[in-house]
C-alpha atoms as a PDB file:
ATOM      1  CA  MET A   1      -0.001   0.003  -0.008  1.00  0.00           C
ATOM      2  CA  LYS A   2       1.058   3.522  -0.626  1.00  0.00           C
ATOM      3  CA  LEU A   3       0.306   6.790   1.157  1.00  0.00           C
ATOM      4  CA  THR A   4      -0.532   9.693  -1.094  1.00  0.00           C
ATOM      5  CA  THR A   5      -1.709  13.284  -0.756  1.00  0.00           C
ATOM      6  CA  ALA A   6      -5.437  13.844  -1.141  1.00  0.00           C
ATOM      7  CA  GLY A   7      -6.161  17.549  -0.787  1.00  0.00           C
ATOM      8  CA  ASN A   8      -5.100  18.546   2.724  1.00  0.00           C
ATOM      9  CA  SER A   9      -5.196  14.921   3.883  1.00  0.00           C
ATOM     10  CA  VAL A  10      -3.240  11.740   3.319  1.00  0.00           C
ATOM     11  CA  GLY A  11      -4.895   8.830   1.509  1.00  0.00           C
ATOM     12  CA  VAL A  12      -4.051   5.150   1.218  1.00  0.00           C
ATOM     13  CA  VAL A  13      -3.912   3.446  -2.166  1.00  0.00           C
ATOM     14  CA  LEU A  14      -5.192  -0.126  -1.902  1.00  0.00           C
ATOM     15  CA  PRO A  15      -4.358  -2.829  -4.447  1.00  0.00           C
ATOM     16  CA  LYS A  16      -7.214  -4.027  -6.661  1.00  0.00           C
ATOM     17  CA  GLU A  17      -7.097  -7.457  -5.018  1.00  0.00           C
ATOM     18  CA  ALA A  18      -7.774  -5.894  -1.595  1.00  0.00           C
ATOM     19  CA  LEU A  19     -10.644  -3.803  -2.987  1.00  0.00           C
ATOM     20  CA  ASP A  20     -12.167  -6.897  -4.594  1.00  0.00           C
ATOM     21  CA  LYS A  21     -11.849  -8.925  -1.414  1.00  0.00           C
ATOM     22  CA  LEU A  22     -13.412  -6.134   0.678  1.00  0.00           C
ATOM     23  CA  ARG A  23     -16.034  -5.559  -2.059  1.00  0.00           C
ATOM     24  CA  LEU A  24     -15.139  -1.867  -2.188  1.00  0.00           C
ATOM     25  CA  GLU A  25     -15.303   0.644  -4.981  1.00  0.00           C
ATOM     26  CA  LYS A  26     -14.116   4.218  -5.354  1.00  0.00           C
ATOM     27  CA  GLY A  27     -16.194   6.463  -3.100  1.00  0.00           C
ATOM     28  CA  ASP A  28     -17.127   3.755  -0.580  1.00  0.00           C
ATOM     29  CA  ARG A  29     -16.559   4.431   3.107  1.00  0.00           C
ATOM     30  CA  VAL A  30     -14.163   2.336   5.167  1.00  0.00           C
ATOM     31  CA  PHE A  31     -13.525   2.318   8.886  1.00  0.00           C
ATOM     32  CA  LEU A  32     -10.230   1.998  10.723  1.00  0.00           C
ATOM     33  CA  THR A  33     -10.595   0.207  14.049  1.00  0.00           C
ATOM     34  CA  GLU A  34      -8.044  -0.801  16.623  1.00  0.00           C
ATOM     35  CA  SER A  35      -7.873  -4.427  17.730  1.00  0.00           C
ATOM     36  CA  PRO A  36      -5.489  -6.418  19.923  1.00  0.00           C
ATOM     37  CA  GLU A  37      -3.642  -7.469  16.738  1.00  0.00           C
ATOM     38  CA  GLY A  38      -3.240  -3.882  15.501  1.00  0.00           C
ATOM     39  CA  PHE A  39      -5.450  -1.823  13.206  1.00  0.00           C
ATOM     40  CA  ARG A  40      -8.190  -3.174  10.947  1.00  0.00           C
ATOM     41  CA  LEU A  41      -9.608  -1.631   7.803  1.00  0.00           C
ATOM     42  CA  THR A  42     -13.212  -2.684   7.259  1.00  0.00           C
ATOM     43  CA  PRO A  43     -16.242  -1.579   5.221  1.00  0.00           C
ATOM     44  CA  TYR A  44     -18.450  -2.201   8.287  1.00  0.00           C
ATOM     45  CA  ASP A  45     -19.245   0.642  10.687  1.00  0.00           C
ATOM     46  CA  PRO A  46     -18.457  -0.643  14.195  1.00  0.00           C
ATOM     47  CA  GLU A  47     -20.774   1.963  15.790  1.00  0.00           C
ATOM     48  CA  PHE A  48     -23.669   0.796  13.611  1.00  0.00           C
ATOM     49  CA  GLU A  49     -22.927  -2.801  14.615  1.00  0.00           C
ATOM     50  CA  LYS A  50     -23.132  -1.826  18.305  1.00  0.00           C
ATOM     51  CA  GLN A  51     -26.501  -0.161  17.679  1.00  0.00           C
ATOM     52  CA  MET A  52     -27.805  -3.198  15.792  1.00  0.00           C
ATOM     53  CA  THR A  53     -26.700  -5.559  18.576  1.00  0.00           C
ATOM     54  CA  LEU A  54     -28.600  -3.437  21.101  1.00  0.00           C
ATOM     55  CA  ALA A  55     -31.652  -3.304  18.796  1.00  0.00           C
ATOM     56  CA  ARG A  56     -31.616  -7.115  18.435  1.00  0.00           C
ATOM     57  CA  GLN A  57     -31.495  -7.526  22.218  1.00  0.00           C
ATOM     58  CA  ILE A  58     -34.443  -5.167  22.673  1.00  0.00           C
ATOM     59  CA  MET A  59     -36.446  -6.838  19.906  1.00  0.00           C
ATOM     60  CA  LYS A  60     -35.835 -10.258  21.462  1.00  0.00           C
ATOM     61  CA  LYS A  61     -36.808  -9.053  24.932  1.00  0.00           C
ATOM     62  CA  ARG A  62     -39.922  -7.188  23.688  1.00  0.00           C
ATOM     63  CA  ARG A  63     -40.972  -9.686  20.987  1.00  0.00           C
ATOM     64  CA  ASP A  64     -44.575  -9.891  22.247  1.00  0.00           C
ATOM     65  CA  VAL A  65     -45.022  -6.107  22.290  1.00  0.00           C
ATOM     66  CA  LEU A  66     -43.586  -5.756  18.781  1.00  0.00           C
ATOM     67  CA  HIS A  67     -45.830  -8.558  17.544  1.00  0.00           C
ATOM     68  CA  GLU A  68     -48.910  -6.757  18.899  1.00  0.00           C
ATOM     69  CA  LEU A  69     -47.805  -3.452  17.357  1.00  0.00           C
ATOM     70  CA  ALA A  70     -47.388  -5.157  13.972  1.00  0.00           C
ATOM     71  CA  LYS A  71     -51.093  -6.113  13.836  1.00  0.00           C
END
């Protein structure tokens, strides 16, 4: 990978193979997260995943209420 100037910022140039494997295209958003092994580059928003996990827990706990509301 190569660092390059992008306006007032620095960008990373990813090889086509990495883009294909991540299913990314020009203009897509990626997220840099820190893990015990180092940093990870992912197309998945970790904050959104936290919100979805919480939503799943609530939906499971309140299944009966949601079922009644769906009628």
